[in-house]
Amino acid sequence: MEVTMRESRLWLLSLGSTVLILVLLGAHFAIMHYSPVFTGQSVEATRSFEAMLARGRDVGQFTVYILFLAAALYHGLYGLRGVVLELPITRGRDRAVSVAILLIGFVFFVYGSYVTWWTFVNG
């Protein structure tokens, strides 16, 4: 497979998604696992059902969930695409694999966004 400018941009986007995942996971660990240090709450209070519902209704958390969903899906599916394209399958499969993975990613993003939105509105 020839490396094109498009492939370079997709790879750079994958690196950017990696950075975003690291930042968002760091925030998750700070909030959920080190809450006594960062928020002054006990870990049990942070993990309670009421606290989870409150986070589900928070615009900031909603934004974080959607960003994390997008970054994780892109990063994972881009990696899967690379692995599949390295397999010795028939020529001309690149486009079909890319379209299939794009559709899978779209379906998962829509579903994950719907669940997050539903929690935000009804939580």
PDB file of N, CA and C in Angstrom:
ATOM      1  N   MET A   1       0.845  -1.179   0.000  1.00  0.00           N
ATOM      2  CA  MET A   1       0.000   0.000   0.000  1.00  0.00           C
ATOM      3  C   MET A   1       0.889   1.239   0.000  1.00  0.00           C
ATOM      4  N   GLU A   2       0.647   2.111  -0.915  1.00  0.00           N
ATOM      5  CA  GLU A   2       1.421   3.338  -1.048  1.00  0.00           C
ATOM      6  C   GLU A   2       0.941   4.375  -0.030  1.00  0.00           C
ATOM      7  N   VAL A   3       1.896   5.024   0.625  1.00  0.00           N
ATOM      8  CA  VAL A   3       1.550   6.054   1.606  1.00  0.00           C
ATOM      9  C   VAL A   3       1.262   7.349   0.866  1.00  0.00           C
ATOM     10  N   THR A   4       0.081   7.881   1.083  1.00  0.00           N
ATOM     11  CA  THR A   4      -0.329   9.116   0.427  1.00  0.00           C
ATOM     12  C   THR A   4      -0.469  10.215   1.461  1.00  0.00           C
ATOM     13  N   MET A   5      -0.702  11.430   0.966  1.00  0.00           N
ATOM     14  CA  MET A   5      -0.925  12.548   1.868  1.00  0.00           C
ATOM     15  C   MET A   5      -2.162  12.290   2.730  1.00  0.00           C
ATOM     16  N   ARG A   6      -3.168  11.660   2.139  1.00  0.00           N
ATOM     17  CA  ARG A   6      -4.391  11.341   2.882  1.00  0.00           C
ATOM     18  C   ARG A   6      -4.074  10.388   4.028  1.00  0.00           C
ATOM     19  N   GLU A   7      -3.269   9.358   3.758  1.00  0.00           N
ATOM     20  CA  GLU A   7      -2.886   8.408   4.806  1.00  0.00           C
ATOM     21  C   GLU A   7      -2.101   9.105   5.910  1.00  0.00           C
ATOM     22  N   SER A   8      -1.247  10.050   5.529  1.00  0.00           N
ATOM     23  CA  SER A   8      -0.477  10.791   6.531  1.00  0.00           C
ATOM     24  C   SER A   8      -1.397  11.605   7.428  1.00  0.00           C
ATOM     25  N   ARG A   9      -2.419  12.217   6.837  1.00  0.00           N
ATOM     26  CA  ARG A   9      -3.376  12.998   7.639  1.00  0.00           C
ATOM     27  C   ARG A   9      -4.174  12.087   8.568  1.00  0.00           C
ATOM     28  N   LEU A  10      -4.587  10.933   8.073  1.00  0.00           N
ATOM     29  CA  LEU A  10      -5.319   9.990   8.921  1.00  0.00           C
ATOM     30  C   LEU A  10      -4.449   9.521  10.083  1.00  0.00           C
ATOM     31  N   TRP A  11      -3.170   9.280   9.813  1.00  0.00           N
ATOM     32  CA  TRP A  11      -2.248   8.853  10.862  1.00  0.00           C
ATOM     33  C   TRP A  11      -2.055   9.963  11.887  1.00  0.00           C
ATOM     34  N   LEU A  12      -1.889  11.205  11.424  1.00  0.00           N
ATOM     35  CA  LEU A  12      -1.753  12.329  12.358  1.00  0.00           C
ATOM     36  C   LEU A  12      -3.017  12.504  13.193  1.00  0.00           C
ATOM     37  N   LEU A  13      -4.171  12.299  12.586  1.00  0.00           N
ATOM     38  CA  LEU A  13      -5.425  12.363  13.328  1.00  0.00           C
ATOM     39  C   LEU A  13      -5.471  11.262  14.390  1.00  0.00           C
ATOM     40  N   SER A  14      -4.932  10.107  14.075  1.00  0.00           N
ATOM     41  CA  SER A  14      -4.858   9.024  15.055  1.00  0.00           C
ATOM     42  C   SER A  14      -3.960   9.416  16.227  1.00  0.00           C
ATOM     43  N   LEU A  15      -2.851  10.068  15.934  1.00  0.00           N
ATOM     44  CA  LEU A  15      -1.976  10.540  17.014  1.00  0.00           C
ATOM     45  C   LEU A  15      -2.683  11.589  17.866  1.00  0.00           C
ATOM     46  N   GLY A  16      -3.423  12.481  17.216  1.00  0.00           N
ATOM     47  CA  GLY A  16      -4.189  13.486  17.956  1.00  0.00           C
ATOM     48  C   GLY A  16      -5.249  12.848  18.837  1.00  0.00           C
ATOM     49  N   SER A  17      -5.892  11.806  18.325  1.00  0.00           N
ATOM     50  CA  SER A  17      -6.900  11.117  19.139  1.00  0.00           C
ATOM     51  C   SER A  17      -6.245  10.430  20.333  1.00  0.00           C
ATOM     52  N   THR A  18      -5.016   9.962  20.162  1.00  0.00           N
ATOM     53  CA  THR A  18      -4.284   9.353  21.272  1.00  0.00           C
ATOM     54  C   THR A  18      -4.064  10.365  22.386  1.00  0.00           C
ATOM     55  N   VAL A  19      -3.638  11.555  22.022  1.00  0.00           N
ATOM     56  CA  VAL A  19      -3.415  12.612  23.019  1.00  0.00           C
ATOM     57  C   VAL A  19      -4.725  12.945  23.729  1.00  0.00           C
ATOM     58  N   LEU A  20      -5.802  13.083  22.961  1.00  0.00           N
ATOM     59  CA  LEU A  20      -7.104  13.395  23.549  1.00  0.00           C
ATOM     60  C   LEU A  20      -7.552  12.287  24.503  1.00  0.00           C
ATOM     61  N   ILE A  21      -7.352  11.041  24.120  1.00  0.00           N
ATOM     62  CA  ILE A  21      -7.708   9.917  24.990  1.00  0.00           C
ATOM     63  C   ILE A  21      -6.915   9.986  26.292  1.00  0.00           C
ATOM     64  N   LEU A  22      -5.625  10.251  26.201  1.00  0.00           N
ATOM     65  CA  LEU A  22      -4.798  10.336  27.410  1.00  0.00           C
ATOM     66  C   LEU A  22      -5.265  11.451  28.335  1.00  0.00           C
ATOM     67  N   VAL A  23      -5.591  12.602  27.770  1.00  0.00           N
ATOM     68  CA  VAL A  23      -6.064  13.733  28.583  1.00  0.00           C
ATOM     69  C   VAL A  23      -7.396  13.385  29.248  1.00  0.00           C
ATOM     70  N   LEU A  24      -8.326  12.832  28.469  1.00  0.00           N
ATOM     71  CA  LEU A  24      -9.643  12.516  29.019  1.00  0.00           C
ATOM     72  C   LEU A  24      -9.578  11.377  30.035  1.00  0.00           C
ATOM     73  N   LEU A  25      -8.730  10.384  29.796  1.00  0.00           N
ATOM     74  CA  LEU A  25      -8.570   9.320  30.788  1.00  0.00           C
ATOM     75  C   LEU A  25      -7.917   9.849  32.060  1.00  0.00           C
ATOM     76  N   GLY A  26      -6.987  10.785  31.902  1.00  0.00           N
ATOM     77  CA  GLY A  26      -6.393  11.421  33.077  1.00  0.00           C
ATOM     78  C   GLY A  26      -7.442  12.148  33.902  1.00  0.00           C
ATOM     79  N   ALA A  27      -8.334  12.861  33.224  1.00  0.00           N
ATOM     80  CA  ALA A  27      -9.423  13.550  33.926  1.00  0.00           C
ATOM     81  C   ALA A  27     -10.347  12.535  34.597  1.00  0.00           C
ATOM     82  N   HIS A  28     -10.633  11.442  33.908  1.00  0.00           N
ATOM     83  CA  HIS A  28     -11.481  10.393  34.490  1.00  0.00           C
ATOM     84  C   HIS A  28     -10.855   9.842  35.772  1.00  0.00           C
ATOM     85  N   PHE A  29      -9.580   9.517  35.713  1.00  0.00           N
ATOM     86  CA  PHE A  29      -8.918   8.981  36.903  1.00  0.00           C
ATOM     87  C   PHE A  29      -8.890  10.002  38.027  1.00  0.00           C
ATOM     88  N   ALA A  30      -8.662  11.262  37.689  1.00  0.00           N
ATOM     89  CA  ALA A  30      -8.648  12.302  38.719  1.00  0.00           C
ATOM     90  C   ALA A  30     -10.007  12.418  39.395  1.00  0.00           C
ATOM     91  N   ILE A  31     -11.074  12.373  38.612  1.00  0.00           N
ATOM     92  CA  ILE A  31     -12.421  12.545  39.162  1.00  0.00           C
ATOM     93  C   ILE A  31     -12.897  11.287  39.890  1.00  0.00           C
ATOM     94  N   MET A  32     -12.705  10.138  39.279  1.00  0.00           N
ATOM     95  CA  MET A  32     -13.296   8.909  39.818  1.00  0.00           C
ATOM     96  C   MET A  32     -12.422   8.187  40.847  1.00  0.00           C
ATOM     97  N   HIS A  33     -11.121   8.250  40.698  1.00  0.00           N
ATOM     98  CA  HIS A  33     -10.263   7.431  41.546  1.00  0.00           C
ATOM     99  C   HIS A  33      -9.440   8.242  42.546  1.00  0.00           C
ATOM    100  N   TYR A  34      -9.270   9.520  42.283  1.00  0.00           N
ATOM    101  CA  TYR A  34      -8.517  10.369  43.202  1.00  0.00           C
ATOM    102  C   TYR A  34      -9.365  11.542  43.665  1.00  0.00           C
ATOM    103  N   SER A  35     -10.665  11.299  43.803  1.00  0.00           N
ATOM    104  CA  SER A  35     -11.586  12.374  44.168  1.00  0.00           C
ATOM    105  C   SER A  35     -11.266  13.026  45.510  1.00  0.00           C
ATOM    106  N   PRO A  36     -10.771  12.308  46.523  1.00  0.00           N
ATOM    107  CA  PRO A  36     -10.443  13.014  47.764  1.00  0.00           C
ATOM    108  C   PRO A  36      -9.375  14.095  47.563  1.00  0.00           C
ATOM    109  N   VAL A  37      -8.471  13.869  46.644  1.00  0.00           N
ATOM    110  CA  VAL A  37      -7.403  14.836  46.389  1.00  0.00           C
ATOM    111  C   VAL A  37      -7.912  16.014  45.565  1.00  0.00           C
ATOM    112  N   PHE A  38      -8.686  15.741  44.509  1.00  0.00           N
ATOM    113  CA  PHE A  38      -9.069  16.785  43.563  1.00  0.00           C
ATOM    114  C   PHE A  38     -10.403  17.459  43.871  1.00  0.00           C
ATOM    115  N   THR A  39     -11.354  16.729  44.463  1.00  0.00           N
ATOM    116  CA  THR A  39     -12.676  17.322  44.705  1.00  0.00           C
ATOM    117  C   THR A  39     -13.038  17.400  46.172  1.00  0.00           C
ATOM    118  N   GLY A  40     -12.295  16.732  47.019  1.00  0.00           N
ATOM    119  CA  GLY A  40     -12.606  16.739  48.439  1.00  0.00           C
ATOM    120  C   GLY A  40     -13.701  15.751  48.829  1.00  0.00           C
ATOM    121  N   GLN A  41     -14.272  15.041  47.857  1.00  0.00           N
ATOM    122  CA  GLN A  41     -15.294  14.032  48.143  1.00  0.00           C
ATOM    123  C   GLN A  41     -14.635  12.683  48.385  1.00  0.00           C
ATOM    124  N   SER A  42     -15.341  11.832  49.103  1.00  0.00           N
ATOM    125  CA  SER A  42     -14.836  10.471  49.252  1.00  0.00           C
ATOM    126  C   SER A  42     -15.033   9.724  47.931  1.00  0.00           C
ATOM    127  N   VAL A  43     -14.279   8.672  47.762  1.00  0.00           N
ATOM    128  CA  VAL A  43     -14.406   7.863  46.550  1.00  0.00           C
ATOM    129  C   VAL A  43     -15.812   7.271  46.469  1.00  0.00           C
ATOM    130  N   GLU A  44     -16.355   6.843  47.599  1.00  0.00           N
ATOM    131  CA  GLU A  44     -17.701   6.259  47.621  1.00  0.00           C
ATOM    132  C   GLU A  44     -18.747   7.278  47.185  1.00  0.00           C
ATOM    133  N   ALA A  45     -18.615   8.527  47.643  1.00  0.00           N
ATOM    134  CA  ALA A  45     -19.574   9.572  47.254  1.00  0.00           C
ATOM    135  C   ALA A  45     -19.478   9.864  45.760  1.00  0.00           C
ATOM    136  N   THR A  46     -18.271   9.846  45.227  1.00  0.00           N
ATOM    137  CA  THR A  46     -18.078  10.105  43.801  1.00  0.00           C
ATOM    138  C   THR A  46     -18.684   8.998  42.950  1.00  0.00           C
ATOM    139  N   ARG A  47     -18.650   7.785  43.442  1.00  0.00           N
ATOM    140  CA  ARG A  47     -19.157   6.638  42.679  1.00  0.00           C
ATOM    141  C   ARG A  47     -20.620   6.311  42.970  1.00  0.00           C
ATOM    142  N   SER A  48     -21.275   7.091  43.807  1.00  0.00           N
ATOM    143  CA  SER A  48     -22.669   6.802  44.155  1.00  0.00           C
ATOM    144  C   SER A  48     -23.579   6.987  42.943  1.00  0.00           C
ATOM    145  N   PHE A  49     -24.750   6.383  43.029  1.00  0.00           N
ATOM    146  CA  PHE A  49     -25.717   6.473  41.938  1.00  0.00           C
ATOM    147  C   PHE A  49     -26.148   7.918  41.717  1.00  0.00           C
ATOM    148  N   GLU A  50     -26.354   8.665  42.795  1.00  0.00           N
ATOM    149  CA  GLU A  50     -26.766  10.064  42.682  1.00  0.00           C
ATOM    150  C   GLU A  50     -25.686  10.902  41.998  1.00  0.00           C
ATOM    151  N   ALA A  51     -24.429  10.655  42.339  1.00  0.00           N
ATOM    152  CA  ALA A  51     -23.325  11.390  41.708  1.00  0.00           C
ATOM    153  C   ALA A  51     -23.219  11.034  40.230  1.00  0.00           C
ATOM    154  N   MET A  52     -23.462   9.765  39.908  1.00  0.00           N
ATOM    155  CA  MET A  52     -23.427   9.351  38.509  1.00  0.00           C
ATOM    156  C   MET A  52     -24.524  10.051  37.711  1.00  0.00           C
ATOM    157  N   LEU A  53     -25.726  10.136  38.279  1.00  0.00           N
ATOM    158  CA  LEU A  53     -26.814  10.836  37.599  1.00  0.00           C
ATOM    159  C   LEU A  53     -26.498  12.318  37.431  1.00  0.00           C
ATOM    160  N   ALA A  54     -25.905  12.920  38.447  1.00  0.00           N
ATOM    161  CA  ALA A  54     -25.541  14.340  38.357  1.00  0.00           C
ATOM    162  C   ALA A  54     -24.506  14.559  37.256  1.00  0.00           C
ATOM    163  N   ARG A  55     -23.527  13.666  37.149  1.00  0.00           N
ATOM    164  CA  ARG A  55     -22.538  13.789  36.073  1.00  0.00           C
ATOM    165  C   ARG A  55     -23.196  13.606  34.718  1.00  0.00           C
ATOM    166  N   GLY A  56     -24.175  12.712  34.640  1.00  0.00           N
ATOM    167  CA  GLY A  56     -24.879  12.474  33.387  1.00  0.00           C
ATOM    168  C   GLY A  56     -25.645  13.694  32.903  1.00  0.00           C
ATOM    169  N   ARG A  57     -26.053  14.575  33.824  1.00  0.00           N
ATOM    170  CA  ARG A  57     -26.803  15.784  33.461  1.00  0.00           C
ATOM    171  C   ARG A  57     -25.903  16.996  33.245  1.00  0.00           C
ATOM    172  N   ASP A  58     -24.626  16.853  33.483  1.00  0.00           N
ATOM    173  CA  ASP A  58     -23.694  17.975  33.376  1.00  0.00           C
ATOM    174  C   ASP A  58     -23.239  18.162  31.927  1.00  0.00           C
ATOM    175  N   VAL A  59     -23.310  19.404  31.432  1.00  0.00           N
ATOM    176  CA  VAL A  59     -22.927  19.698  30.044  1.00  0.00           C
ATOM    177  C   VAL A  59     -21.450  19.377  29.806  1.00  0.00           C
ATOM    178  N   GLY A  60     -20.611  19.687  30.770  1.00  0.00           N
ATOM    179  CA  GLY A  60     -19.184  19.399  30.629  1.00  0.00           C
ATOM    180  C   GLY A  60     -18.917  17.910  30.497  1.00  0.00           C
ATOM    181  N   GLN A  61     -19.563  17.120  31.340  1.00  0.00           N
ATOM    182  CA  GLN A  61     -19.394  15.667  31.258  1.00  0.00           C
ATOM    183  C   GLN A  61     -19.960  15.120  29.955  1.00  0.00           C
ATOM    184  N   PHE A  62     -21.088  15.670  29.522  1.00  0.00           N
ATOM    185  CA  PHE A  62     -21.669  15.257  28.242  1.00  0.00           C
ATOM    186  C   PHE A  62     -20.660  15.483  27.120  1.00  0.00           C
ATOM    187  N   THR A  63     -20.037  16.646  27.122  1.00  0.00           N
ATOM    188  CA  THR A  63     -19.035  16.975  26.104  1.00  0.00           C
ATOM    189  C   THR A  63     -17.847  16.020  26.182  1.00  0.00           C
ATOM    190  N   VAL A  64     -17.388  15.746  27.395  1.00  0.00           N
ATOM    191  CA  VAL A  64     -16.262  14.831  27.584  1.00  0.00           C
ATOM    192  C   VAL A  64     -16.616  13.437  27.069  1.00  0.00           C
ATOM    193  N   TYR A  65     -17.814  12.953  27.374  1.00  0.00           N
ATOM    194  CA  TYR A  65     -18.221  11.622  26.916  1.00  0.00           C
ATOM    195  C   TYR A  65     -18.227  11.541  25.391  1.00  0.00           C
ATOM    196  N   ILE A  66     -18.772  12.557  24.743  1.00  0.00           N
ATOM    197  CA  ILE A  66     -18.850  12.546  23.277  1.00  0.00           C
ATOM    198  C   ILE A  66     -17.447  12.628  22.671  1.00  0.00           C
ATOM    199  N   LEU A  67     -16.599  13.500  23.218  1.00  0.00           N
ATOM    200  CA  LEU A  67     -15.223  13.607  22.717  1.00  0.00           C
ATOM    201  C   LEU A  67     -14.471  12.292  22.905  1.00  0.00           C
ATOM    202  N   PHE A  68     -14.637  11.683  24.077  1.00  0.00           N
ATOM    203  CA  PHE A  68     -13.958  10.416  24.335  1.00  0.00           C
ATOM    204  C   PHE A  68     -14.469   9.324  23.399  1.00  0.00           C
ATOM    205  N   LEU A  69     -15.774   9.286  23.196  1.00  0.00           N
ATOM    206  CA  LEU A  69     -16.364   8.312  22.275  1.00  0.00           C
ATOM    207  C   LEU A  69     -15.778   8.468  20.878  1.00  0.00           C
ATOM    208  N   ALA A  70     -15.741   9.696  20.388  1.00  0.00           N
ATOM    209  CA  ALA A  70     -15.222   9.951  19.041  1.00  0.00           C
ATOM    210  C   ALA A  70     -13.742   9.584  18.943  1.00  0.00           C
ATOM    211  N   ALA A  71     -12.949  10.016  19.920  1.00  0.00           N
ATOM    212  CA  ALA A  71     -11.508   9.749  19.881  1.00  0.00           C
ATOM    213  C   ALA A  71     -11.217   8.255  19.984  1.00  0.00           C
ATOM    214  N   ALA A  72     -11.892   7.571  20.898  1.00  0.00           N
ATOM    215  CA  ALA A  72     -11.639   6.140  21.086  1.00  0.00           C
ATOM    216  C   ALA A  72     -12.083   5.333  19.865  1.00  0.00           C
ATOM    217  N   LEU A  73     -13.241   5.678  19.319  1.00  0.00           N
ATOM    218  CA  LEU A  73     -13.698   4.973  18.118  1.00  0.00           C
ATOM    219  C   LEU A  73     -12.741   5.193  16.953  1.00  0.00           C
ATOM    220  N   TYR A  74     -12.346   6.441  16.735  1.00  0.00           N
ATOM    221  CA  TYR A  74     -11.439   6.710  15.618  1.00  0.00           C
ATOM    222  C   TYR A  74     -10.123   5.959  15.812  1.00  0.00           C
ATOM    223  N   HIS A  75      -9.542   6.090  16.998  1.00  0.00           N
ATOM    224  CA  HIS A  75      -8.250   5.479  17.267  1.00  0.00           C
ATOM    225  C   HIS A  75      -8.319   3.953  17.091  1.00  0.00           C
ATOM    226  N   GLY A  76      -9.327   3.334  17.668  1.00  0.00           N
ATOM    227  CA  GLY A  76      -9.456   1.883  17.585  1.00  0.00           C
ATOM    228  C   GLY A  76      -9.758   1.389  16.181  1.00  0.00           C
ATOM    229  N   LEU A  77     -10.683   2.060  15.513  1.00  0.00           N
ATOM    230  CA  LEU A  77     -11.062   1.603  14.174  1.00  0.00           C
ATOM    231  C   LEU A  77      -9.994   1.919  13.133  1.00  0.00           C
ATOM    232  N   TYR A  78      -9.255   3.001  13.323  1.00  0.00           N
ATOM    233  CA  TYR A  78      -8.139   3.284  12.414  1.00  0.00           C
ATOM    234  C   TYR A  78      -7.067   2.197  12.563  1.00  0.00           C
ATOM    235  N   GLY A  79      -6.805   1.792  13.800  1.00  0.00           N
ATOM    236  CA  GLY A  79      -5.851   0.703  14.024  1.00  0.00           C
ATOM    237  C   GLY A  79      -6.336  -0.610  13.432  1.00  0.00           C
ATOM    238  N   LEU A  80      -7.620  -0.911  13.607  1.00  0.00           N
ATOM    239  CA  LEU A  80      -8.194  -2.123  13.025  1.00  0.00           C
ATOM    240  C   LEU A  80      -8.093  -2.090  11.504  1.00  0.00           C
ATOM    241  N   ARG A  81      -8.364  -0.941  10.921  1.00  0.00           N
ATOM    242  CA  ARG A  81      -8.257  -0.781   9.462  1.00  0.00           C
ATOM    243  C   ARG A  81      -6.835  -1.098   8.996  1.00  0.00           C
ATOM    244  N   GLY A  82      -5.852  -0.582   9.718  1.00  0.00           N
ATOM    245  CA  GLY A  82      -4.463  -0.843   9.357  1.00  0.00           C
ATOM    246  C   GLY A  82      -4.114  -2.321   9.416  1.00  0.00           C
ATOM    247  N   VAL A  83      -4.604  -3.002  10.440  1.00  0.00           N
ATOM    248  CA  VAL A  83      -4.347  -4.435  10.576  1.00  0.00           C
ATOM    249  C   VAL A  83      -5.012  -5.207   9.439  1.00  0.00           C
ATOM    250  N   VAL A  84      -6.273  -4.894   9.155  1.00  0.00           N
ATOM    251  CA  VAL A  84      -7.000  -5.610   8.099  1.00  0.00           C
ATOM    252  C   VAL A  84      -6.357  -5.369   6.739  1.00  0.00           C
ATOM    253  N   LEU A  85      -5.911  -4.149   6.480  1.00  0.00           N
ATOM    254  CA  LEU A  85      -5.296  -3.852   5.183  1.00  0.00           C
ATOM    255  C   LEU A  85      -3.945  -4.534   5.005  1.00  0.00           C
ATOM    256  N   GLU A  86      -3.320  -4.950   6.091  1.00  0.00           N
ATOM    257  CA  GLU A  86      -2.057  -5.678   6.000  1.00  0.00           C
ATOM    258  C   GLU A  86      -2.263  -7.161   5.688  1.00  0.00           C
ATOM    259  N   LEU A  87      -3.478  -7.649   5.827  1.00  0.00           N
ATOM    260  CA  LEU A  87      -3.748  -9.062   5.542  1.00  0.00           C
ATOM    261  C   LEU A  87      -3.627  -9.327   4.044  1.00  0.00           C
ATOM    262  N   PRO A  88      -3.163 -10.517   3.681  1.00  0.00           N
ATOM    263  CA  PRO A  88      -3.011 -10.837   2.254  1.00  0.00           C
ATOM    264  C   PRO A  88      -4.348 -11.236   1.619  1.00  0.00           C
ATOM    265  N   ILE A  89      -5.177 -10.253   1.372  1.00  0.00           N
ATOM    266  CA  ILE A  89      -6.477 -10.488   0.739  1.00  0.00           C
ATOM    267  C   ILE A  89      -6.375  -9.950  -0.690  1.00  0.00           C
ATOM    268  N   THR A  90      -7.403 -10.112  -1.467  1.00  0.00           N
ATOM    269  CA  THR A  90      -7.376  -9.691  -2.869  1.00  0.00           C
ATOM    270  C   THR A  90      -7.146  -8.187  -3.009  1.00  0.00           C
ATOM    271  N   ARG A  91      -6.626  -7.812  -4.182  1.00  0.00           N
ATOM    272  CA  ARG A  91      -6.376  -6.397  -4.461  1.00  0.00           C
ATOM    273  C   ARG A  91      -7.699  -5.638  -4.556  1.00  0.00           C
ATOM    274  N   GLY A  92      -7.638  -4.359  -4.293  1.00  0.00           N
ATOM    275  CA  GLY A  92      -8.823  -3.524  -4.399  1.00  0.00           C
ATOM    276  C   GLY A  92      -9.718  -3.578  -3.172  1.00  0.00           C
ATOM    277  N   ARG A  93      -9.250  -4.218  -2.129  1.00  0.00           N
ATOM    278  CA  ARG A  93     -10.055  -4.342  -0.925  1.00  0.00           C
ATOM    279  C   ARG A  93      -9.975  -3.111  -0.041  1.00  0.00           C
ATOM    280  N   ASP A  94      -8.977  -2.252  -0.285  1.00  0.00           N
ATOM    281  CA  ASP A  94      -8.751  -1.091   0.575  1.00  0.00           C
ATOM    282  C   ASP A  94     -10.009  -0.243   0.723  1.00  0.00           C
ATOM    283  N   ARG A  95     -10.626   0.051  -0.379  1.00  0.00           N
ATOM    284  CA  ARG A  95     -11.819   0.915  -0.358  1.00  0.00           C
ATOM    285  C   ARG A  95     -12.968   0.245   0.397  1.00  0.00           C
ATOM    286  N   ALA A  96     -13.193  -1.034   0.128  1.00  0.00           N
ATOM    287  CA  ALA A  96     -14.288  -1.755   0.788  1.00  0.00           C
ATOM    288  C   ALA A  96     -14.061  -1.836   2.295  1.00  0.00           C
ATOM    289  N   VAL A  97     -12.824  -2.121   2.699  1.00  0.00           N
ATOM    290  CA  VAL A  97     -12.497  -2.192   4.125  1.00  0.00           C
ATOM    291  C   VAL A  97     -12.703  -0.830   4.773  1.00  0.00           C
ATOM    292  N   SER A  98     -12.220   0.219   4.123  1.00  0.00           N
ATOM    293  CA  SER A  98     -12.358   1.568   4.676  1.00  0.00           C
ATOM    294  C   SER A  98     -13.820   1.969   4.825  1.00  0.00           C
ATOM    295  N   VAL A  99     -14.628   1.668   3.819  1.00  0.00           N
ATOM    296  CA  VAL A  99     -16.057   2.010   3.878  1.00  0.00           C
ATOM    297  C   VAL A  99     -16.753   1.202   4.969  1.00  0.00           C
ATOM    298  N   ALA A 100     -16.444  -0.088   5.068  1.00  0.00           N
ATOM    299  CA  ALA A 100     -17.070  -0.929   6.096  1.00  0.00           C
ATOM    300  C   ALA A 100     -16.727  -0.430   7.494  1.00  0.00           C
ATOM    301  N   ILE A 101     -15.463  -0.098   7.716  1.00  0.00           N
ATOM    302  CA  ILE A 101     -15.052   0.384   9.034  1.00  0.00           C
ATOM    303  C   ILE A 101     -15.664   1.752   9.318  1.00  0.00           C
ATOM    304  N   LEU A 102     -15.763   2.593   8.310  1.00  0.00           N
ATOM    305  CA  LEU A 102     -16.415   3.892   8.485  1.00  0.00           C
ATOM    306  C   LEU A 102     -17.878   3.712   8.891  1.00  0.00           C
ATOM    307  N   LEU A 103     -18.575   2.797   8.244  1.00  0.00           N
ATOM    308  CA  LEU A 103     -19.980   2.544   8.585  1.00  0.00           C
ATOM    309  C   LEU A 103     -20.126   1.977   9.998  1.00  0.00           C
ATOM    310  N   ILE A 104     -19.247   1.059  10.358  1.00  0.00           N
ATOM    311  CA  ILE A 104     -19.268   0.504  11.714  1.00  0.00           C
ATOM    312  C   ILE A 104     -19.039   1.619  12.734  1.00  0.00           C
ATOM    313  N   GLY A 105     -18.048   2.459  12.477  1.00  0.00           N
ATOM    314  CA  GLY A 105     -17.771   3.576  13.377  1.00  0.00           C
ATOM    315  C   GLY A 105     -18.940   4.529  13.487  1.00  0.00           C
ATOM    316  N   PHE A 106     -19.591   4.799  12.365  1.00  0.00           N
ATOM    317  CA  PHE A 106     -20.742   5.697  12.368  1.00  0.00           C
ATOM    318  C   PHE A 106     -21.876   5.122  13.217  1.00  0.00           C
ATOM    319  N   VAL A 107     -22.152   3.830  13.046  1.00  0.00           N
ATOM    320  CA  VAL A 107     -23.223   3.187  13.815  1.00  0.00           C
ATOM    321  C   VAL A 107     -22.914   3.240  15.310  1.00  0.00           C
ATOM    322  N   PHE A 108     -21.694   2.895  15.689  1.00  0.00           N
ATOM    323  CA  PHE A 108     -21.324   2.932  17.101  1.00  0.00           C
ATOM    324  C   PHE A 108     -21.345   4.356  17.652  1.00  0.00           C
ATOM    325  N   PHE A 109     -20.923   5.329  16.858  1.00  0.00           N
ATOM    326  CA  PHE A 109     -20.942   6.716  17.328  1.00  0.00           C
ATOM    327  C   PHE A 109     -22.375   7.199  17.529  1.00  0.00           C
ATOM    328  N   VAL A 110     -23.253   6.882  16.592  1.00  0.00           N
ATOM    329  CA  VAL A 110     -24.658   7.290  16.732  1.00  0.00           C
ATOM    330  C   VAL A 110     -25.268   6.635  17.968  1.00  0.00           C
ATOM    331  N   TYR A 111     -25.026   5.349  18.158  1.00  0.00           N
ATOM    332  CA  TYR A 111     -25.578   4.650  19.317  1.00  0.00           C
ATOM    333  C   TYR A 111     -25.012   5.216  20.626  1.00  0.00           C
ATOM    334  N   GLY A 112     -23.701   5.383  20.690  1.00  0.00           N
ATOM    335  CA  GLY A 112     -23.081   5.929  21.897  1.00  0.00           C
ATOM    336  C   GLY A 112     -23.533   7.346  22.187  1.00  0.00           C
ATOM    337  N   SER A 113     -23.700   8.145  21.145  1.00  0.00           N
ATOM    338  CA  SER A 113     -24.186   9.516  21.319  1.00  0.00           C
ATOM    339  C   SER A 113     -25.627   9.521  21.803  1.00  0.00           C
ATOM    340  N   TYR A 114     -26.437   8.612  21.263  1.00  0.00           N
ATOM    341  CA  TYR A 114     -27.834   8.520  21.692  1.00  0.00           C
ATOM    342  C   TYR A 114     -27.920   8.163  23.178  1.00  0.00           C
ATOM    343  N   VAL A 115     -27.165   7.168  23.600  1.00  0.00           N
ATOM    344  CA  VAL A 115     -27.185   6.764  25.008  1.00  0.00           C
ATOM    345  C   VAL A 115     -26.731   7.919  25.895  1.00  0.00           C
ATOM    346  N   THR A 116     -25.680   8.612  25.491  1.00  0.00           N
ATOM    347  CA  THR A 116     -25.187   9.751  26.262  1.00  0.00           C
ATOM    348  C   THR A 116     -26.224  10.863  26.300  1.00  0.00           C
ATOM    349  N   TRP A 117     -26.846  11.158  25.170  1.00  0.00           N
ATOM    350  CA  TRP A 117     -27.876  12.198  25.112  1.00  0.00           C
ATOM    351  C   TRP A 117     -29.077  11.811  25.972  1.00  0.00           C
ATOM    352  N   TRP A 118     -29.500  10.552  25.889  1.00  0.00           N
ATOM    353  CA  TRP A 118     -30.644  10.096  26.672  1.00  0.00           C
ATOM    354  C   TRP A 118     -30.355  10.267  28.160  1.00  0.00           C
ATOM    355  N   THR A 119     -29.152   9.894  28.585  1.00  0.00           N
ATOM    356  CA  THR A 119     -28.774  10.055  29.988  1.00  0.00           C
ATOM    357  C   THR A 119     -28.754  11.524  30.374  1.00  0.00           C
ATOM    358  N   PHE A 120     -28.254  12.367  29.483  1.00  0.00           N
ATOM    359  CA  PHE A 120     -28.182  13.806  29.745  1.00  0.00           C
ATOM    360  C   PHE A 120     -29.581  14.392  29.912  1.00  0.00           C
ATOM    361  N   VAL A 121     -30.509  13.997  29.064  1.00  0.00           N
ATOM    362  CA  VAL A 121     -31.866  14.557  29.085  1.00  0.00           C
ATOM    363  C   VAL A 121     -32.721  13.930  30.183  1.00  0.00           C
ATOM    364  N   ASN A 122     -32.624  12.620  30.362  1.00  0.00           N
ATOM    365  CA  ASN A 122     -33.524  11.908  31.276  1.00  0.00           C
ATOM    366  C   ASN A 122     -32.903  11.533  32.614  1.00  0.00           C
ATOM    367  N   GLY A 123     -31.586  11.717  32.746  1.00  0.00           N
ATOM    368  CA  GLY A 123     -30.889  11.273  33.953  1.00  0.00           C
ATOM    369  C   GLY A 123     -31.230  11.971  35.138  1.00  0.00           C
TER     370      GLY A 123
END
